[in-house]
Amino acid sequence: MNRDASSIAILEPRNNVGYRREDVPRARDGQIRDLVLELADNASFEQVGGLVPRDADRVLTAFAERAASIAVRGKDERELRAGLLAAALALSLSDDERDVLRAWPSSTGRRR
């Protein structure tokens, strides 16, 4: 893998303040997508844990949600793959899987 520390720093939460709420898509989505796909192709989840910044799971979770929207809009399998990989990476990095696997509101408006 030929990524340096500065390219992996895009997963730093402090570099992504407000990212989850930004309009979709943004340039950052493509940057994170490319990084996630490269990490997944060249490293195991255990190795990724040693490469990414602390709390990167929060950024990866936000990206996974955004990637799902981008994939549906563009009928793009690559975006879907990146989003699923990001969610799996986030889950492997998180101290609490509930932060990644959120309870979505049901159709009645109550949380499951």
PDB file of N, CA and C in Angstrom:
ATOM      1  N   MET A   1       0.857  -1.175   0.000  1.00  0.00           N
ATOM      2  CA  MET A   1       0.000   0.000   0.000  1.00  0.00           C
ATOM      3  C   MET A   1       0.894   1.224   0.000  1.00  0.00           C
ATOM      4  N   ASN A   2       0.546   2.209  -0.805  1.00  0.00           N
ATOM      5  CA  ASN A   2       1.400   3.378  -0.943  1.00  0.00           C
ATOM      6  C   ASN A   2       0.784   4.640  -0.335  1.00  0.00           C
ATOM      7  N   ARG A   3      -0.048   4.492   0.638  1.00  0.00           N
ATOM      8  CA  ARG A   3      -0.649   5.642   1.321  1.00  0.00           C
ATOM      9  C   ARG A   3       0.278   6.146   2.406  1.00  0.00           C
ATOM     10  N   ASP A   4       0.374   7.466   2.550  1.00  0.00           N
ATOM     11  CA  ASP A   4       1.168   8.018   3.639  1.00  0.00           C
ATOM     12  C   ASP A   4       0.229   8.492   4.747  1.00  0.00           C
ATOM     13  N   ALA A   5       0.825   8.926   5.842  1.00  0.00           N
ATOM     14  CA  ALA A   5       0.045   9.329   7.014  1.00  0.00           C
ATOM     15  C   ALA A   5      -0.909  10.475   6.709  1.00  0.00           C
ATOM     16  N   SER A   6      -0.508  11.384   5.823  1.00  0.00           N
ATOM     17  CA  SER A   6      -1.383  12.528   5.535  1.00  0.00           C
ATOM     18  C   SER A   6      -2.639  12.099   4.780  1.00  0.00           C
ATOM     19  N   SER A   7      -2.531  11.092   3.930  1.00  0.00           N
ATOM     20  CA  SER A   7      -3.731  10.645   3.214  1.00  0.00           C
ATOM     21  C   SER A   7      -4.674   9.887   4.136  1.00  0.00           C
ATOM     22  N   ILE A   8      -4.128   9.189   5.111  1.00  0.00           N
ATOM     23  CA  ILE A   8      -4.966   8.467   6.074  1.00  0.00           C
ATOM     24  C   ILE A   8      -5.588   9.434   7.077  1.00  0.00           C
ATOM     25  N   ALA A   9      -4.991  10.613   7.217  1.00  0.00           N
ATOM     26  CA  ALA A   9      -5.515  11.626   8.142  1.00  0.00           C
ATOM     27  C   ALA A   9      -6.893  12.129   7.730  1.00  0.00           C
ATOM     28  N   ILE A  10      -7.341  11.818   6.514  1.00  0.00           N
ATOM     29  CA  ILE A  10      -8.696  12.236   6.135  1.00  0.00           C
ATOM     30  C   ILE A  10      -9.744  11.520   6.981  1.00  0.00           C
ATOM     31  N   LEU A  11      -9.338  10.503   7.715  1.00  0.00           N
ATOM     32  CA  LEU A  11     -10.272   9.807   8.608  1.00  0.00           C
ATOM     33  C   LEU A  11     -10.269  10.378  10.017  1.00  0.00           C
ATOM     34  N   GLU A  12      -9.485  11.412  10.258  1.00  0.00           N
ATOM     35  CA  GLU A  12      -9.465  12.076  11.564  1.00  0.00           C
ATOM     36  C   GLU A  12     -10.801  12.785  11.789  1.00  0.00           C
ATOM     37  N   PRO A  13     -11.471  12.519  12.899  1.00  0.00           N
ATOM     38  CA  PRO A  13     -12.739  13.214  13.170  1.00  0.00           C
ATOM     39  C   PRO A  13     -12.611  14.739  13.130  1.00  0.00           C
ATOM     40  N   ARG A  14     -11.507  15.281  13.615  1.00  0.00           N
ATOM     41  CA  ARG A  14     -11.356  16.742  13.618  1.00  0.00           C
ATOM     42  C   ARG A  14     -11.253  17.311  12.203  1.00  0.00           C
ATOM     43  N   ASN A  15     -10.910  16.489  11.223  1.00  0.00           N
ATOM     44  CA  ASN A  15     -10.854  16.926   9.826  1.00  0.00           C
ATOM     45  C   ASN A  15     -12.195  16.753   9.117  1.00  0.00           C
ATOM     46  N   ASN A  16     -13.198  16.279   9.849  1.00  0.00           N
ATOM     47  CA  ASN A  16     -14.495  15.979   9.245  1.00  0.00           C
ATOM     48  C   ASN A  16     -15.664  16.535  10.045  1.00  0.00           C
ATOM     49  N   VAL A  17     -15.448  17.630  10.726  1.00  0.00           N
ATOM     50  CA  VAL A  17     -16.509  18.248  11.520  1.00  0.00           C
ATOM     51  C   VAL A  17     -17.660  18.639  10.577  1.00  0.00           C
ATOM     52  N   GLY A  18     -18.851  18.153  10.870  1.00  0.00           N
ATOM     53  CA  GLY A  18     -20.036  18.451  10.056  1.00  0.00           C
ATOM     54  C   GLY A  18     -20.178  17.598   8.816  1.00  0.00           C
ATOM     55  N   TYR A  19     -19.265  16.678   8.605  1.00  0.00           N
ATOM     56  CA  TYR A  19     -19.275  15.849   7.393  1.00  0.00           C
ATOM     57  C   TYR A  19     -20.582  15.085   7.213  1.00  0.00           C
ATOM     58  N   ARG A  20     -21.101  14.499   8.267  1.00  0.00           N
ATOM     59  CA  ARG A  20     -22.319  13.691   8.173  1.00  0.00           C
ATOM     60  C   ARG A  20     -23.500  14.493   7.612  1.00  0.00           C
ATOM     61  N   ARG A  21     -23.554  15.787   7.924  1.00  0.00           N
ATOM     62  CA  ARG A  21     -24.702  16.614   7.533  1.00  0.00           C
ATOM     63  C   ARG A  21     -24.523  17.345   6.207  1.00  0.00           C
ATOM     64  N   GLU A  22     -23.344  17.268   5.600  1.00  0.00           N
ATOM     65  CA  GLU A  22     -23.102  17.956   4.336  1.00  0.00           C
ATOM     66  C   GLU A  22     -23.937  17.333   3.228  1.00  0.00           C
ATOM     67  N   ASP A  23     -24.201  18.147   2.194  1.00  0.00           N
ATOM     68  CA  ASP A  23     -24.905  17.637   1.026  1.00  0.00           C
ATOM     69  C   ASP A  23     -24.123  16.471   0.419  1.00  0.00           C
ATOM     70  N   VAL A  24     -24.850  15.542  -0.159  1.00  0.00           N
ATOM     71  CA  VAL A  24     -24.271  14.367  -0.800  1.00  0.00           C
ATOM     72  C   VAL A  24     -24.371  14.552  -2.299  1.00  0.00           C
ATOM     73  N   PRO A  25     -23.371  14.280  -3.061  1.00  0.00           N
ATOM     74  CA  PRO A  25     -22.008  13.897  -2.697  1.00  0.00           C
ATOM     75  C   PRO A  25     -21.102  15.117  -2.534  1.00  0.00           C
ATOM     76  N   ARG A  26     -19.993  14.896  -1.897  1.00  0.00           N
ATOM     77  CA  ARG A  26     -18.929  15.886  -1.718  1.00  0.00           C
ATOM     78  C   ARG A  26     -17.607  15.245  -2.148  1.00  0.00           C
ATOM     79  N   ALA A  27     -16.623  16.068  -2.389  1.00  0.00           N
ATOM     80  CA  ALA A  27     -15.305  15.552  -2.769  1.00  0.00           C
ATOM     81  C   ALA A  27     -14.759  14.613  -1.693  1.00  0.00           C
ATOM     82  N   ARG A  28     -15.055  14.922  -0.431  1.00  0.00           N
ATOM     83  CA  ARG A  28     -14.570  14.091   0.676  1.00  0.00           C
ATOM     84  C   ARG A  28     -15.092  12.661   0.552  1.00  0.00           C
ATOM     85  N   ASP A  29     -16.313  12.489   0.042  1.00  0.00           N
ATOM     86  CA  ASP A  29     -16.861  11.144  -0.130  1.00  0.00           C
ATOM     87  C   ASP A  29     -15.973  10.319  -1.054  1.00  0.00           C
ATOM     88  N   GLY A  30     -15.542  10.903  -2.145  1.00  0.00           N
ATOM     89  CA  GLY A  30     -14.663  10.195  -3.079  1.00  0.00           C
ATOM     90  C   GLY A  30     -13.307   9.885  -2.479  1.00  0.00           C
ATOM     91  N   GLN A  31     -12.780  10.816  -1.691  1.00  0.00           N
ATOM     92  CA  GLN A  31     -11.487  10.598  -1.041  1.00  0.00           C
ATOM     93  C   GLN A  31     -11.566   9.429  -0.060  1.00  0.00           C
ATOM     94  N   ILE A  32     -12.623   9.429   0.742  1.00  0.00           N
ATOM     95  CA  ILE A  32     -12.773   8.352   1.721  1.00  0.00           C
ATOM     96  C   ILE A  32     -13.069   7.034   1.009  1.00  0.00           C
ATOM     97  N   ARG A  33     -13.897   7.079  -0.021  1.00  0.00           N
ATOM     98  CA  ARG A  33     -14.198   5.856  -0.790  1.00  0.00           C
ATOM     99  C   ARG A  33     -12.913   5.231  -1.321  1.00  0.00           C
ATOM    100  N   ASP A  34     -12.078   6.047  -1.965  1.00  0.00           N
ATOM    101  CA  ASP A  34     -10.844   5.523  -2.543  1.00  0.00           C
ATOM    102  C   ASP A  34      -9.925   4.948  -1.470  1.00  0.00           C
ATOM    103  N   LEU A  35      -9.838   5.621  -0.335  1.00  0.00           N
ATOM    104  CA  LEU A  35      -9.001   5.136   0.758  1.00  0.00           C
ATOM    105  C   LEU A  35      -9.529   3.816   1.309  1.00  0.00           C
ATOM    106  N   VAL A  36     -10.833   3.740   1.546  1.00  0.00           N
ATOM    107  CA  VAL A  36     -11.437   2.515   2.092  1.00  0.00           C
ATOM    108  C   VAL A  36     -11.217   1.341   1.141  1.00  0.00           C
ATOM    109  N   LEU A  37     -11.435   1.554  -0.138  1.00  0.00           N
ATOM    110  CA  LEU A  37     -11.253   0.473  -1.102  1.00  0.00           C
ATOM    111  C   LEU A  37      -9.789   0.028  -1.150  1.00  0.00           C
ATOM    112  N   GLU A  38      -8.860   0.988  -1.089  1.00  0.00           N
ATOM    113  CA  GLU A  38      -7.442   0.633  -1.093  1.00  0.00           C
ATOM    114  C   GLU A  38      -7.051  -0.112   0.179  1.00  0.00           C
ATOM    115  N   LEU A  39      -7.527   0.371   1.321  1.00  0.00           N
ATOM    116  CA  LEU A  39      -7.229  -0.320   2.583  1.00  0.00           C
ATOM    117  C   LEU A  39      -7.765  -1.746   2.563  1.00  0.00           C
ATOM    118  N   ALA A  40      -8.987  -1.906   2.098  1.00  0.00           N
ATOM    119  CA  ALA A  40      -9.612  -3.233   2.082  1.00  0.00           C
ATOM    120  C   ALA A  40      -8.899  -4.179   1.123  1.00  0.00           C
ATOM    121  N   ASP A  41      -8.375  -3.632   0.029  1.00  0.00           N
ATOM    122  CA  ASP A  41      -7.679  -4.476  -0.943  1.00  0.00           C
ATOM    123  C   ASP A  41      -6.276  -4.860  -0.501  1.00  0.00           C
ATOM    124  N   ASN A  42      -5.682  -4.081   0.396  1.00  0.00           N
ATOM    125  CA  ASN A  42      -4.269  -4.275   0.709  1.00  0.00           C
ATOM    126  C   ASN A  42      -3.950  -4.587   2.163  1.00  0.00           C
ATOM    127  N   ALA A  43      -4.954  -4.642   3.012  1.00  0.00           N
ATOM    128  CA  ALA A  43      -4.679  -4.884   4.428  1.00  0.00           C
ATOM    129  C   ALA A  43      -5.851  -5.615   5.065  1.00  0.00           C
ATOM    130  N   SER A  44      -5.551  -6.376   6.100  1.00  0.00           N
ATOM    131  CA  SER A  44      -6.616  -7.018   6.864  1.00  0.00           C
ATOM    132  C   SER A  44      -7.223  -5.995   7.814  1.00  0.00           C
ATOM    133  N   PHE A  45      -8.386  -6.291   8.361  1.00  0.00           N
ATOM    134  CA  PHE A  45      -9.028  -5.368   9.299  1.00  0.00           C
ATOM    135  C   PHE A  45      -8.119  -5.109  10.498  1.00  0.00           C
ATOM    136  N   GLU A  46      -7.380  -6.132  10.922  1.00  0.00           N
ATOM    137  CA  GLU A  46      -6.474  -5.955  12.055  1.00  0.00           C
ATOM    138  C   GLU A  46      -5.365  -4.972  11.712  1.00  0.00           C
ATOM    139  N   GLN A  47      -4.830  -5.068  10.492  1.00  0.00           N
ATOM    140  CA  GLN A  47      -3.781  -4.148  10.054  1.00  0.00           C
ATOM    141  C   GLN A  47      -4.318  -2.726   9.935  1.00  0.00           C
ATOM    142  N   VAL A  48      -5.537  -2.584   9.443  1.00  0.00           N
ATOM    143  CA  VAL A  48      -6.135  -1.259   9.286  1.00  0.00           C
ATOM    144  C   VAL A  48      -6.242  -0.571  10.636  1.00  0.00           C
ATOM    145  N   GLY A  49      -6.557  -1.326  11.668  1.00  0.00           N
ATOM    146  CA  GLY A  49      -6.669  -0.758  13.012  1.00  0.00           C
ATOM    147  C   GLY A  49      -5.407  -0.045  13.451  1.00  0.00           C
ATOM    148  N   GLY A  50      -4.253  -0.518  13.008  1.00  0.00           N
ATOM    149  CA  GLY A  50      -2.995   0.117  13.353  1.00  0.00           C
ATOM    150  C   GLY A  50      -2.631   1.285  12.458  1.00  0.00           C
ATOM    151  N   LEU A  51      -3.344   1.438  11.341  1.00  0.00           N
ATOM    152  CA  LEU A  51      -3.034   2.493  10.383  1.00  0.00           C
ATOM    153  C   LEU A  51      -3.885   3.748  10.554  1.00  0.00           C
ATOM    154  N   VAL A  52      -5.126   3.558  10.933  1.00  0.00           N
ATOM    155  CA  VAL A  52      -6.063   4.684  10.936  1.00  0.00           C
ATOM    156  C   VAL A  52      -6.033   5.441  12.260  1.00  0.00           C
ATOM    157  N   PRO A  53      -6.447   6.698  12.233  1.00  0.00           N
ATOM    158  CA  PRO A  53      -6.462   7.503  13.458  1.00  0.00           C
ATOM    159  C   PRO A  53      -7.465   6.978  14.481  1.00  0.00           C
ATOM    160  N   ARG A  54      -7.235   7.355  15.716  1.00  0.00           N
ATOM    161  CA  ARG A  54      -8.163   7.021  16.789  1.00  0.00           C
ATOM    162  C   ARG A  54      -9.529   7.645  16.467  1.00  0.00           C
ATOM    163  N   ASP A  55     -10.581   6.960  16.751  1.00  0.00           N
ATOM    164  CA  ASP A  55     -11.959   7.389  16.506  1.00  0.00           C
ATOM    165  C   ASP A  55     -12.316   7.507  15.019  1.00  0.00           C
ATOM    166  N   ALA A  56     -11.533   6.874  14.156  1.00  0.00           N
ATOM    167  CA  ALA A  56     -11.855   6.866  12.726  1.00  0.00           C
ATOM    168  C   ALA A  56     -13.177   6.155  12.472  1.00  0.00           C
ATOM    169  N   ASP A  57     -13.598   5.312  13.414  1.00  0.00           N
ATOM    170  CA  ASP A  57     -14.870   4.605  13.245  1.00  0.00           C
ATOM    171  C   ASP A  57     -16.031   5.577  13.060  1.00  0.00           C
ATOM    172  N   ARG A  58     -15.966   6.744  13.697  1.00  0.00           N
ATOM    173  CA  ARG A  58     -17.054   7.730  13.558  1.00  0.00           C
ATOM    174  C   ARG A  58     -17.135   8.263  12.130  1.00  0.00           C
ATOM    175  N   VAL A  59     -15.994   8.554  11.532  1.00  0.00           N
ATOM    176  CA  VAL A  59     -15.965   9.053  10.158  1.00  0.00           C
ATOM    177  C   VAL A  59     -16.378   7.948   9.196  1.00  0.00           C
ATOM    178  N   LEU A  60     -15.901   6.736   9.432  1.00  0.00           N
ATOM    179  CA  LEU A  60     -16.263   5.612   8.574  1.00  0.00           C
ATOM    180  C   LEU A  60     -17.759   5.317   8.638  1.00  0.00           C
ATOM    181  N   THR A  61     -18.350   5.447   9.813  1.00  0.00           N
ATOM    182  CA  THR A  61     -19.795   5.237   9.954  1.00  0.00           C
ATOM    183  C   THR A  61     -20.571   6.293   9.172  1.00  0.00           C
ATOM    184  N   ALA A  62     -20.149   7.543   9.283  1.00  0.00           N
ATOM    185  CA  ALA A  62     -20.808   8.619   8.532  1.00  0.00           C
ATOM    186  C   ALA A  62     -20.663   8.368   7.036  1.00  0.00           C
ATOM    187  N   PHE A  63     -19.470   7.969   6.608  1.00  0.00           N
ATOM    188  CA  PHE A  63     -19.254   7.685   5.198  1.00  0.00           C
ATOM    189  C   PHE A  63     -20.138   6.528   4.729  1.00  0.00           C
ATOM    190  N   ALA A  64     -20.257   5.492   5.540  1.00  0.00           N
ATOM    191  CA  ALA A  64     -21.073   4.337   5.148  1.00  0.00           C
ATOM    192  C   ALA A  64     -22.512   4.754   4.859  1.00  0.00           C
ATOM    193  N   GLU A  65     -23.050   5.616   5.689  1.00  0.00           N
ATOM    194  CA  GLU A  65     -24.416   6.113   5.472  1.00  0.00           C
ATOM    195  C   GLU A  65     -24.494   6.932   4.181  1.00  0.00           C
ATOM    196  N   ARG A  66     -23.511   7.791   3.984  1.00  0.00           N
ATOM    197  CA  ARG A  66     -23.495   8.641   2.793  1.00  0.00           C
ATOM    198  C   ARG A  66     -23.283   7.800   1.529  1.00  0.00           C
ATOM    199  N   ALA A  67     -22.407   6.808   1.604  1.00  0.00           N
ATOM    200  CA  ALA A  67     -22.129   5.954   0.456  1.00  0.00           C
ATOM    201  C   ALA A  67     -23.378   5.189   0.019  1.00  0.00           C
ATOM    202  N   ALA A  68     -24.202   4.793   0.981  1.00  0.00           N
ATOM    203  CA  ALA A  68     -25.446   4.103   0.628  1.00  0.00           C
ATOM    204  C   ALA A  68     -26.338   5.018  -0.211  1.00  0.00           C
ATOM    205  N   SER A  69     -26.431   6.265   0.173  1.00  0.00           N
ATOM    206  CA  SER A  69     -27.232   7.226  -0.602  1.00  0.00           C
ATOM    207  C   SER A  69     -26.655   7.431  -1.996  1.00  0.00           C
ATOM    208  N   ILE A  70     -25.343   7.576  -2.055  1.00  0.00           N
ATOM    209  CA  ILE A  70     -24.686   7.777  -3.351  1.00  0.00           C
ATOM    210  C   ILE A  70     -24.875   6.553  -4.235  1.00  0.00           C
ATOM    211  N   ALA A  71     -24.761   5.369  -3.656  1.00  0.00           N
ATOM    212  CA  ALA A  71     -24.915   4.130  -4.425  1.00  0.00           C
ATOM    213  C   ALA A  71     -26.318   4.003  -5.004  1.00  0.00           C
ATOM    214  N   VAL A  72     -27.321   4.339  -4.208  1.00  0.00           N
ATOM    215  CA  VAL A  72     -28.710   4.240  -4.687  1.00  0.00           C
ATOM    216  C   VAL A  72     -28.959   5.270  -5.787  1.00  0.00           C
ATOM    217  N   ARG A  73     -28.531   6.493  -5.556  1.00  0.00           N
ATOM    218  CA  ARG A  73     -28.742   7.547  -6.562  1.00  0.00           C
ATOM    219  C   ARG A  73     -28.087   7.213  -7.894  1.00  0.00           C
ATOM    220  N   GLY A  74     -26.867   6.704  -7.825  1.00  0.00           N
ATOM    221  CA  GLY A  74     -26.121   6.449  -9.052  1.00  0.00           C
ATOM    222  C   GLY A  74     -26.145   5.008  -9.514  1.00  0.00           C
ATOM    223  N   LYS A  75     -26.883   4.158  -8.790  1.00  0.00           N
ATOM    224  CA  LYS A  75     -26.902   2.722  -9.095  1.00  0.00           C
ATOM    225  C   LYS A  75     -25.472   2.220  -9.283  1.00  0.00           C
ATOM    226  N   ASP A  76     -24.640   2.539  -8.288  1.00  0.00           N
ATOM    227  CA  ASP A  76     -23.202   2.315  -8.368  1.00  0.00           C
ATOM    228  C   ASP A  76     -22.762   1.255  -7.363  1.00  0.00           C
ATOM    229  N   GLU A  77     -22.394   0.081  -7.869  1.00  0.00           N
ATOM    230  CA  GLU A  77     -21.982  -1.025  -7.006  1.00  0.00           C
ATOM    231  C   GLU A  77     -20.683  -0.710  -6.258  1.00  0.00           C
ATOM    232  N   ARG A  78     -19.810   0.060  -6.861  1.00  0.00           N
ATOM    233  CA  ARG A  78     -18.535   0.407  -6.207  1.00  0.00           C
ATOM    234  C   ARG A  78     -18.790   1.229  -4.944  1.00  0.00           C
ATOM    235  N   GLU A  79     -19.727   2.161  -5.024  1.00  0.00           N
ATOM    236  CA  GLU A  79     -20.070   2.969  -3.851  1.00  0.00           C
ATOM    237  C   GLU A  79     -20.680   2.097  -2.757  1.00  0.00           C
ATOM    238  N   LEU A  80     -21.528   1.171  -3.160  1.00  0.00           N
ATOM    239  CA  LEU A  80     -22.144   0.268  -2.195  1.00  0.00           C
ATOM    240  C   LEU A  80     -21.079  -0.586  -1.510  1.00  0.00           C
ATOM    241  N   ARG A  81     -20.153  -1.119  -2.281  1.00  0.00           N
ATOM    242  CA  ARG A  81     -19.060  -1.925  -1.713  1.00  0.00           C
ATOM    243  C   ARG A  81     -18.247  -1.088  -0.729  1.00  0.00           C
ATOM    244  N   ALA A  82     -17.911   0.133  -1.107  1.00  0.00           N
ATOM    245  CA  ALA A  82     -17.118   0.995  -0.220  1.00  0.00           C
ATOM    246  C   ALA A  82     -17.869   1.288   1.070  1.00  0.00           C
ATOM    247  N   GLY A  83     -19.169   1.526   0.977  1.00  0.00           N
ATOM    248  CA  GLY A  83     -19.970   1.800   2.166  1.00  0.00           C
ATOM    249  C   GLY A  83     -20.041   0.601   3.093  1.00  0.00           C
ATOM    250  N   LEU A  84     -20.219  -0.577   2.521  1.00  0.00           N
ATOM    251  CA  LEU A  84     -20.265  -1.794   3.338  1.00  0.00           C
ATOM    252  C   LEU A  84     -18.910  -2.075   3.987  1.00  0.00           C
ATOM    253  N   LEU A  85     -17.848  -1.869   3.234  1.00  0.00           N
ATOM    254  CA  LEU A  85     -16.506  -2.057   3.800  1.00  0.00           C
ATOM    255  C   LEU A  85     -16.242  -1.045   4.911  1.00  0.00           C
ATOM    256  N   ALA A  86     -16.670   0.191   4.705  1.00  0.00           N
ATOM    257  CA  ALA A  86     -16.483   1.222   5.737  1.00  0.00           C
ATOM    258  C   ALA A  86     -17.235   0.848   7.008  1.00  0.00           C
ATOM    259  N   ALA A  87     -18.453   0.344   6.856  1.00  0.00           N
ATOM    260  CA  ALA A  87     -19.231  -0.068   8.035  1.00  0.00           C
ATOM    261  C   ALA A  87     -18.541  -1.229   8.754  1.00  0.00           C
ATOM    262  N   ALA A  88     -18.017  -2.186   7.989  1.00  0.00           N
ATOM    263  CA  ALA A  88     -17.318  -3.320   8.599  1.00  0.00           C
ATOM    264  C   ALA A  88     -16.032  -2.859   9.288  1.00  0.00           C
ATOM    265  N   LEU A  89     -15.302  -1.957   8.660  1.00  0.00           N
ATOM    266  CA  LEU A  89     -14.094  -1.412   9.283  1.00  0.00           C
ATOM    267  C   LEU A  89     -14.440  -0.658  10.561  1.00  0.00           C
ATOM    268  N   ALA A  90     -15.478   0.169  10.482  1.00  0.00           N
ATOM    269  CA  ALA A  90     -15.901   0.930  11.660  1.00  0.00           C
ATOM    270  C   ALA A  90     -16.267  -0.010  12.795  1.00  0.00           C
ATOM    271  N   LEU A  91     -16.961  -1.066  12.468  1.00  0.00           N
ATOM    272  CA  LEU A  91     -17.359  -2.040  13.484  1.00  0.00           C
ATOM    273  C   LEU A  91     -16.138  -2.697  14.120  1.00  0.00           C
ATOM    274  N   SER A  92     -15.131  -2.994  13.312  1.00  0.00           N
ATOM    275  CA  SER A  92     -13.924  -3.631  13.855  1.00  0.00           C
ATOM    276  C   SER A  92     -13.099  -2.665  14.706  1.00  0.00           C
ATOM    277  N   LEU A  93     -13.250  -1.369  14.483  1.00  0.00           N
ATOM    278  CA  LEU A  93     -12.485  -0.359  15.218  1.00  0.00           C
ATOM    279  C   LEU A  93     -13.201   0.155  16.463  1.00  0.00           C
ATOM    280  N   SER A  94     -14.505   0.036  16.480  1.00  0.00           N
ATOM    281  CA  SER A  94     -15.313   0.637  17.541  1.00  0.00           C
ATOM    282  C   SER A  94     -15.205  -0.129  18.858  1.00  0.00           C
ATOM    283  N   ASP A  95     -15.214   0.629  19.936  1.00  0.00           N
ATOM    284  CA  ASP A  95     -15.270   0.020  21.264  1.00  0.00           C
ATOM    285  C   ASP A  95     -16.688  -0.413  21.620  1.00  0.00           C
ATOM    286  N   ASP A  96     -17.667   0.166  20.940  1.00  0.00           N
ATOM    287  CA  ASP A  96     -19.073  -0.125  21.222  1.00  0.00           C
ATOM    288  C   ASP A  96     -19.822  -0.247  19.901  1.00  0.00           C
ATOM    289  N   GLU A  97     -20.173  -1.467  19.535  1.00  0.00           N
ATOM    290  CA  GLU A  97     -20.824  -1.693  18.244  1.00  0.00           C
ATOM    291  C   GLU A  97     -22.133  -0.927  18.090  1.00  0.00           C
ATOM    292  N   ARG A  98     -22.732  -0.499  19.194  1.00  0.00           N
ATOM    293  CA  ARG A  98     -23.976   0.274  19.097  1.00  0.00           C
ATOM    294  C   ARG A  98     -23.746   1.621  18.431  1.00  0.00           C
ATOM    295  N   ASP A  99     -22.512   2.117  18.471  1.00  0.00           N
ATOM    296  CA  ASP A  99     -22.197   3.374  17.793  1.00  0.00           C
ATOM    297  C   ASP A  99     -22.231   3.214  16.282  1.00  0.00           C
ATOM    298  N   VAL A 100     -21.979   2.019  15.802  1.00  0.00           N
ATOM    299  CA  VAL A 100     -21.964   1.742  14.365  1.00  0.00           C
ATOM    300  C   VAL A 100     -23.305   1.185  13.914  1.00  0.00           C
ATOM    301  N   LEU A 101     -23.821   0.227  14.657  1.00  0.00           N
ATOM    302  CA  LEU A 101     -25.085  -0.428  14.316  1.00  0.00           C
ATOM    303  C   LEU A 101     -26.221   0.264  15.047  1.00  0.00           C
ATOM    304  N   ARG A 102     -26.636   1.360  14.516  1.00  0.00           N
ATOM    305  CA  ARG A 102     -27.668   2.176  15.162  1.00  0.00           C
ATOM    306  C   ARG A 102     -29.045   1.573  14.998  1.00  0.00           C
ATOM    307  N   ALA A 103     -29.899   1.873  15.943  1.00  0.00           N
ATOM    308  CA  ALA A 103     -31.306   1.473  15.831  1.00  0.00           C
ATOM    309  C   ALA A 103     -32.013   2.546  15.009  1.00  0.00           C
ATOM    310  N   TRP A 104     -32.547   2.167  13.875  1.00  0.00           N
ATOM    311  CA  TRP A 104     -33.228   3.123  13.002  1.00  0.00           C
ATOM    312  C   TRP A 104     -34.682   3.260  13.435  1.00  0.00           C
ATOM    313  N   PRO A 105     -35.256   4.437  13.246  1.00  0.00           N
ATOM    314  CA  PRO A 105     -36.668   4.618  13.619  1.00  0.00           C
ATOM    315  C   PRO A 105     -37.556   3.703  12.784  1.00  0.00           C
ATOM    316  N   SER A 106     -38.550   3.157  13.411  1.00  0.00           N
ATOM    317  CA  SER A 106     -39.507   2.333  12.681  1.00  0.00           C
ATOM    318  C   SER A 106     -40.510   3.241  11.998  1.00  0.00           C
ATOM    319  N   SER A 107     -41.410   2.673  11.239  1.00  0.00           N
ATOM    320  CA  SER A 107     -42.401   3.463  10.516  1.00  0.00           C
ATOM    321  C   SER A 107     -43.365   4.182  11.465  1.00  0.00           C
ATOM    322  N   THR A 108     -43.427   3.723  12.706  1.00  0.00           N
ATOM    323  CA  THR A 108     -44.321   4.387  13.675  1.00  0.00           C
ATOM    324  C   THR A 108     -43.637   5.537  14.386  1.00  0.00           C
ATOM    325  N   GLY A 109     -42.336   5.708  14.097  1.00  0.00           N
ATOM    326  CA  GLY A 109     -41.613   6.794  14.724  1.00  0.00           C
ATOM    327  C   GLY A 109     -40.936   6.407  16.019  1.00  0.00           C
ATOM    328  N   ARG A 110     -41.169   5.184  16.506  1.00  0.00           N
ATOM    329  CA  ARG A 110     -40.501   4.730  17.732  1.00  0.00           C
ATOM    330  C   ARG A 110     -39.220   4.007  17.351  1.00  0.00           C
ATOM    331  N   ARG A 111     -38.252   4.131  18.227  1.00  0.00           N
ATOM    332  CA  ARG A 111     -36.973   3.430  17.986  1.00  0.00           C
ATOM    333  C   ARG A 111     -37.143   1.966  18.348  1.00  0.00           C
ATOM    334  N   ARG A 112     -36.488   1.132  17.590  1.00  0.00           N
ATOM    335  CA  ARG A 112     -36.521  -0.312  17.837  1.00  0.00           C
ATOM    336  C   ARG A 112     -35.596  -0.678  18.943  1.00  0.00           C
TER     337      ARG A 112
END
